[in-house]
N, C-alpha and C. Protein backbone atom coordinates (compact mmCIF):
# COMPACT_ATOMS: atom_id res chain seq x y z
N MET A 1 -5.08 -10.24 -0.56
CA MET A 1 -4.86 -8.92 -0.29
C MET A 1 -4.91 -8.94 -2.49
N THR A 2 -4.78 -7.40 -2.73
CA THR A 2 -4.33 -7.13 -3.92
C THR A 2 -3.29 -6.50 -4.14
N GLU A 3 -2.37 -6.48 -5.25
CA GLU A 3 -1.46 -6.13 -5.64
C GLU A 3 -0.89 -4.96 -5.37
N GLU A 4 -1.50 -3.96 -4.85
CA GLU A 4 -1.44 -2.62 -4.61
C GLU A 4 -0.87 -2.50 -3.33
N THR A 5 -0.90 -3.81 -2.17
CA THR A 5 -0.79 -3.78 -0.78
C THR A 5 0.51 -4.26 -0.64
N THR A 6 1.19 -3.52 0.43
CA THR A 6 2.47 -3.67 0.96
C THR A 6 2.53 -4.43 2.12
N TYR A 7 3.47 -5.08 2.70
CA TYR A 7 3.85 -6.13 3.82
C TYR A 7 4.58 -5.11 4.70
N MET A 8 4.04 -4.62 5.82
CA MET A 8 5.00 -3.31 6.50
C MET A 8 5.02 -3.76 8.00
N TYR A 9 5.75 -3.37 8.46
CA TYR A 9 5.75 -3.28 10.27
C TYR A 9 5.50 -2.46 11.21
N ILE A 10 5.02 -2.46 12.04
CA ILE A 10 4.62 -1.11 13.04
C ILE A 10 4.93 -1.60 14.43
N VAL A 11 5.25 -0.43 15.60
CA VAL A 11 5.73 -0.84 16.96
C VAL A 11 4.49 -0.39 17.59
N ASP A 12 4.14 -0.95 18.59
CA ASP A 12 3.53 -0.56 19.78
C ASP A 12 4.33 -0.46 21.10
N TYR A 13 4.32 0.24 21.47
CA TYR A 13 5.43 0.70 22.50
C TYR A 13 4.88 1.18 23.80
N TYR A 14 5.66 1.24 25.06
CA TYR A 14 4.92 1.80 26.37
C TYR A 14 5.84 2.71 26.13
N CYS A 15 4.85 3.69 26.21
CA CYS A 15 5.33 5.02 26.73
C CYS A 15 4.96 6.07 28.38
N PRO A 16 6.31 6.30 28.89
CA PRO A 16 5.80 6.51 30.31
C PRO A 16 5.57 7.67 30.58
N ASP A 17 5.80 8.99 29.35
CA ASP A 17 4.49 10.05 29.35
C ASP A 17 3.14 10.16 29.09
N GLU A 18 2.75 8.91 28.22
CA GLU A 18 1.44 8.76 27.65
C GLU A 18 1.13 8.36 29.17
N ASP A 19 1.62 6.96 29.45
CA ASP A 19 0.98 7.02 31.11
C ASP A 19 0.51 7.62 31.84
N ASN A 20 2.05 8.73 32.24
CA ASN A 20 1.50 9.87 33.51
C ASN A 20 0.36 10.68 33.01
N ARG A 21 0.22 11.21 31.62
CA ARG A 21 -0.66 12.18 31.20
C ARG A 21 -2.42 11.05 31.52
N LEU A 22 -2.34 9.79 30.81
CA LEU A 22 -3.87 9.30 31.28
C LEU A 22 -3.70 9.63 32.59
N PHE A 23 -2.65 8.55 33.47
CA PHE A 23 -3.13 8.55 35.00
C PHE A 23 -3.53 10.00 35.46
N LYS A 24 -3.61 11.16 35.42
CA LYS A 24 -3.45 12.40 36.23
C LYS A 24 -4.97 12.73 35.33
N LEU A 25 -5.18 12.76 33.98
CA LEU A 25 -6.56 12.82 33.64
C LEU A 25 -7.41 11.97 34.31
N ASN A 26 -7.31 10.53 34.46
CA ASN A 26 -8.15 9.78 35.18
C ASN A 26 -8.01 10.27 36.49
N LYS A 27 -7.39 10.13 37.16
CA LYS A 27 -7.11 10.68 38.22
C LYS A 27 -8.15 11.67 38.70
N LYS A 28 -8.17 12.89 37.91
CA LYS A 28 -9.08 13.94 38.02
C LYS A 28 -10.48 13.90 37.79
N LYS A 29 -10.88 13.06 36.54
CA LYS A 29 -11.71 12.74 36.44
C LYS A 29 -12.65 11.67 37.59
N ASP A 30 -11.77 10.94 38.10
CA ASP A 30 -12.52 10.13 39.44
C ASP A 30 -12.67 10.85 40.90
N LEU A 31 -12.02 11.86 40.86
CA LEU A 31 -12.18 12.87 42.46
C LEU A 31 -13.57 13.33 41.52
N GLU A 32 -13.58 14.14 40.40
CA GLU A 32 -14.29 15.17 40.37
C GLU A 32 -15.89 14.21 40.25
N ARG A 33 -16.14 12.97 39.80
CA ARG A 33 -17.38 12.43 39.35
C ARG A 33 -17.83 11.49 40.80
N PHE A 34 -16.24 10.75 41.14
CA PHE A 34 -16.54 9.81 42.58
C PHE A 34 -16.09 10.50 44.09
N GLY A 35 -15.83 11.81 43.82
CA GLY A 35 -15.07 11.90 45.30
C GLY A 35 -13.89 11.01 45.40
N THR A 36 -13.40 9.94 44.95
CA THR A 36 -12.62 9.08 45.15
C THR A 36 -11.14 9.84 44.51
N LYS A 37 -9.82 8.73 44.87
CA LYS A 37 -8.20 9.14 44.38
C LYS A 37 -8.25 7.74 43.66
N LEU A 38 -7.64 8.22 42.87
CA LEU A 38 -7.50 7.07 41.61
C LEU A 38 -6.32 6.05 42.18
N THR A 39 -5.76 4.95 42.25
CA THR A 39 -4.39 4.80 42.22
C THR A 39 -3.75 3.98 41.33
N ARG A 40 -2.61 3.84 40.91
CA ARG A 40 -2.02 3.31 39.97
C ARG A 40 -2.28 2.10 40.06
N LYS A 41 -2.82 1.27 40.90
CA LYS A 41 -2.96 -0.50 40.55
C LYS A 41 -4.24 -0.29 40.32
N ASN A 42 -4.93 0.96 40.64
CA ASN A 42 -6.95 0.62 40.01
C ASN A 42 -6.56 1.34 38.66
N PHE A 43 -5.58 2.16 38.54
CA PHE A 43 -5.66 2.61 36.65
C PHE A 43 -5.23 1.51 36.16
N TYR A 44 -4.01 0.52 36.13
CA TYR A 44 -3.61 -0.56 35.47
C TYR A 44 -4.61 -1.58 35.07
N GLU A 45 -5.25 -1.92 36.25
CA GLU A 45 -6.34 -3.05 36.45
C GLU A 45 -7.70 -2.49 35.54
N ASP A 46 -7.71 -1.48 35.24
CA ASP A 46 -8.50 -0.74 34.28
C ASP A 46 -8.57 -0.24 32.88
N GLY A 47 -7.28 -0.63 32.60
CA GLY A 47 -6.69 -0.41 31.06
C GLY A 47 -5.69 0.39 30.81
N GLY A 48 -5.48 1.44 32.14
CA GLY A 48 -4.32 1.94 32.04
C GLY A 48 -3.26 2.02 31.27
N TYR A 49 -2.66 0.82 31.48
CA TYR A 49 -1.02 0.44 31.35
C TYR A 49 -1.55 0.15 29.71
N GLY A 50 -2.29 -0.83 29.11
CA GLY A 50 -2.38 -0.96 27.65
C GLY A 50 -2.73 0.29 26.60
N ASP A 51 -3.17 1.14 27.69
CA ASP A 51 -3.41 2.80 26.63
C ASP A 51 -2.50 3.21 26.78
N SER A 52 -1.38 3.39 27.81
CA SER A 52 -0.07 3.82 27.78
C SER A 52 0.42 3.27 26.36
N PHE A 53 0.16 2.41 25.63
CA PHE A 53 1.43 2.15 24.31
C PHE A 53 1.14 3.26 23.15
N LEU A 54 2.11 3.43 22.52
CA LEU A 54 2.13 4.47 21.26
C LEU A 54 2.28 3.46 20.19
N PHE A 55 1.80 4.14 18.92
CA PHE A 55 2.30 3.47 17.64
C PHE A 55 3.34 3.95 17.11
N SER A 56 4.52 3.29 16.50
CA SER A 56 5.25 3.99 15.55
C SER A 56 4.72 4.01 14.21
N GLU A 57 5.51 5.14 13.28
CA GLU A 57 5.26 5.05 12.04
C GLU A 57 5.51 3.28 11.45
N LEU A 58 5.19 3.45 10.40
CA LEU A 58 5.20 1.94 9.70
C LEU A 58 6.97 1.75 9.12
N HIS A 59 7.17 1.09 9.43
CA HIS A 59 8.33 0.29 8.39
C HIS A 59 8.58 -0.59 7.56
N ILE A 60 8.95 -0.55 6.57
CA ILE A 60 8.98 -1.25 5.03
C ILE A 60 10.15 -2.85 5.17
N LYS A 61 10.50 -2.34 6.44
CA LYS A 61 11.86 -3.44 6.63
C LYS A 61 11.60 -4.16 8.22
N GLU A 62 11.78 -5.11 8.23
CA GLU A 62 11.20 -6.08 9.61
C GLU A 62 12.35 -5.82 10.17
N LYS A 63 13.28 -5.80 10.04
CA LYS A 63 14.87 -4.98 10.80
C LYS A 63 14.90 -3.82 11.56
N ASP A 64 14.25 -2.90 10.58
CA ASP A 64 14.41 -1.47 11.01
C ASP A 64 13.03 -1.52 12.03
N ALA A 65 12.14 -2.29 12.18
CA ALA A 65 10.98 -1.99 13.22
C ALA A 65 11.85 -2.59 14.50
N CYS A 66 12.68 -4.18 14.63
CA CYS A 66 12.85 -4.38 15.28
C CYS A 66 13.79 -3.64 16.53
N ASN A 67 14.38 -2.53 15.25
CA ASN A 67 15.79 -1.90 15.72
C ASN A 67 14.72 -0.78 16.77
N PHE A 68 14.04 -0.51 16.05
CA PHE A 68 12.94 0.55 16.80
C PHE A 68 12.59 0.27 18.25
N ALA A 69 11.63 -1.09 17.94
CA ALA A 69 11.54 -1.76 19.66
C ALA A 69 12.90 -1.85 20.64
N LYS A 70 13.69 -2.49 19.90
CA LYS A 70 14.73 -2.49 20.97
C LYS A 70 15.16 -1.33 21.65
N LYS A 71 15.03 -0.34 20.67
CA LYS A 71 15.65 0.77 21.12
C LYS A 71 14.42 1.42 22.57
N GLN A 72 13.55 1.41 21.92
CA GLN A 72 12.47 2.09 22.72
C GLN A 72 11.86 0.93 24.22
N SER A 73 11.94 -0.32 24.21
CA SER A 73 11.98 -1.33 25.34
C SER A 73 13.16 -0.53 26.05
N LYS A 74 14.31 -0.22 25.57
CA LYS A 74 15.95 -0.07 26.19
C LYS A 74 15.47 0.88 27.15
N LYS A 75 14.77 2.10 26.21
CA LYS A 75 14.82 3.25 26.77
C LYS A 75 13.40 3.27 27.88
N THR A 76 12.41 2.79 27.59
CA THR A 76 11.17 2.58 28.94
C THR A 76 11.31 1.72 29.84
N LYS A 77 12.31 0.95 29.73
CA LYS A 77 12.34 -0.85 30.65
C LYS A 77 10.98 -1.24 30.55
N ASP A 78 10.38 -1.72 29.40
CA ASP A 78 9.22 -2.22 29.40
C ASP A 78 9.01 -2.23 27.73
N LEU A 79 7.77 -3.38 27.80
CA LEU A 79 7.89 -3.83 26.40
C LEU A 79 7.44 -2.85 24.57
N ALA A 80 8.09 -3.61 24.31
CA ALA A 80 7.99 -2.99 22.95
C ALA A 80 7.20 -4.18 22.04
N ASN A 81 6.17 -4.31 21.08
CA ASN A 81 6.12 -5.01 19.95
C ASN A 81 6.16 -4.60 18.95
N VAL A 82 6.64 -5.87 17.62
CA VAL A 82 6.43 -5.52 16.45
C VAL A 82 5.36 -6.35 15.92
N LYS A 83 4.61 -5.82 15.32
CA LYS A 83 3.48 -6.34 14.62
C LYS A 83 3.62 -6.51 12.84
N ALA A 84 3.37 -7.32 12.24
CA ALA A 84 2.95 -7.11 11.05
C ALA A 84 1.50 -6.74 10.24
N CYS A 85 1.53 -5.83 9.27
CA CYS A 85 0.33 -5.84 8.41
C CYS A 85 0.36 -5.24 7.12
N TRP A 86 -0.59 -5.48 6.41
CA TRP A 86 -0.59 -4.94 5.22
C TRP A 86 -1.56 -3.87 4.51
N CYS A 87 -0.55 -2.90 4.10
CA CYS A 87 -0.88 -1.71 3.81
C CYS A 87 -1.50 -1.23 2.56
N SER A 88 -1.90 -0.36 1.88
CA SER A 88 -2.09 0.15 0.73
C SER A 88 -2.04 1.85 0.92
N LYS A 89 -1.59 2.69 -0.07
CA LYS A 89 -1.83 4.03 0.14
C LYS A 89 -3.17 4.56 -0.22
N ASN A 90 -3.42 5.59 0.31
CA ASN A 90 -4.70 6.20 0.66
C ASN A 90 -4.64 7.39 -0.64
N GLU A 91 -5.65 8.25 -0.70
CA GLU A 91 -5.48 9.21 -1.96
C GLU A 91 -4.55 10.19 -2.00
N TRP A 92 -3.68 10.48 -0.15
CA TRP A 92 -2.86 11.65 -0.79
C TRP A 92 -1.31 10.69 -0.53
N GLY A 93 -1.92 9.44 -1.27
CA GLY A 93 -0.16 8.58 -1.06
C GLY A 93 0.22 8.02 0.05
N GLU A 94 -0.08 8.16 1.21
CA GLU A 94 0.15 7.73 2.41
C GLU A 94 0.12 6.29 2.82
N PHE A 95 0.45 5.56 3.47
CA PHE A 95 0.06 4.14 3.73
C PHE A 95 -0.66 4.20 4.84
N GLU A 96 -1.75 3.02 4.68
CA GLU A 96 -2.60 3.08 5.63
C GLU A 96 -3.04 1.39 6.16
N ILE A 97 -2.88 0.81 7.00
CA ILE A 97 -3.50 0.02 7.48
C ILE A 97 -4.24 -0.97 7.18
N ASP A 98 -4.54 -1.82 6.36
CA ASP A 98 -5.90 -2.54 5.65
C ASP A 98 -6.15 -3.80 6.62
N ASP A 99 -5.07 -4.60 6.87
CA ASP A 99 -5.25 -5.76 7.64
C ASP A 99 -4.03 -5.86 8.54
N MET A 100 -4.03 -6.71 9.94
CA MET A 100 -3.23 -6.92 10.74
C MET A 100 -2.90 -8.29 10.47
N ASN A 101 -1.58 -8.70 10.98
CA ASN A 101 -1.37 -10.27 10.13
C ASN A 101 -1.19 -10.73 11.93
N GLU A 102 -2.41 -11.18 12.62
CA GLU A 102 -2.48 -11.68 14.04
C GLU A 102 -1.12 -13.13 13.81
N ASN A 103 -0.68 -13.51 12.81
CA ASN A 103 0.21 -14.66 13.54
C ASN A 103 1.60 -13.90 13.73
N TYR A 104 1.82 -12.99 13.48
CA TYR A 104 3.01 -12.47 13.86
C TYR A 104 3.19 -11.66 14.77
N LEU A 105 4.29 -11.92 15.91
CA LEU A 105 4.25 -10.54 17.07
C LEU A 105 5.99 -11.23 17.20
N ARG A 106 6.50 -10.16 17.66
CA ARG A 106 7.87 -10.07 17.85
C ARG A 106 8.01 -8.61 19.19
N GLN A 107 8.22 -9.58 20.56
CA GLN A 107 8.28 -8.94 21.69
C GLN A 107 9.58 -8.16 22.08
N PHE A 108 9.64 -7.51 22.59
CA PHE A 108 11.31 -6.88 23.30
C PHE A 108 11.27 -6.01 24.54
N SER A 109 11.90 -6.35 25.21
CA SER A 109 11.57 -5.98 26.96
C SER A 109 13.00 -5.42 27.11
N VAL A 110 13.02 -4.53 27.62
CA VAL A 110 14.45 -4.12 28.18
C VAL A 110 15.72 -4.32 27.18
N GLY A 111 15.01 -3.74 25.94
CA GLY A 111 16.29 -4.08 24.66
C GLY A 111 16.77 -5.12 24.28
N LYS A 112 15.99 -6.25 24.72
CA LYS A 112 15.93 -8.14 24.52
C LYS A 112 14.84 -8.30 23.78
N GLU A 113 14.70 -9.36 23.19
CA GLU A 113 13.51 -10.08 22.65
C GLU A 113 13.21 -10.94 23.56
N VAL A 114 11.95 -11.41 23.55
CA VAL A 114 11.65 -12.43 24.73
C VAL A 114 11.18 -13.31 24.26
């Protein structure tokens, strides 16, 4: 990494609102395309659960990212993952992710680290 990169943290967390939005959208598509009714089980088997995760803002401090993940997991009663990445500023001065640290992962579920 260049000296202009910054090590930061991001949280991906389950979002029930996104889950419901995607389920309704896919249910409508399945009914129109195939004339079948999509079930939650089929939705989750086809990746709907993973698609129901959102990303937080970037956090400079690991503690801030973990606190956010803890809060979100408690709120949704589901997983929140803290991930680390190297970021650099773009031409507008905003941080963009350059590379993820595949060796770093902290998971929280229902407000507790797993």
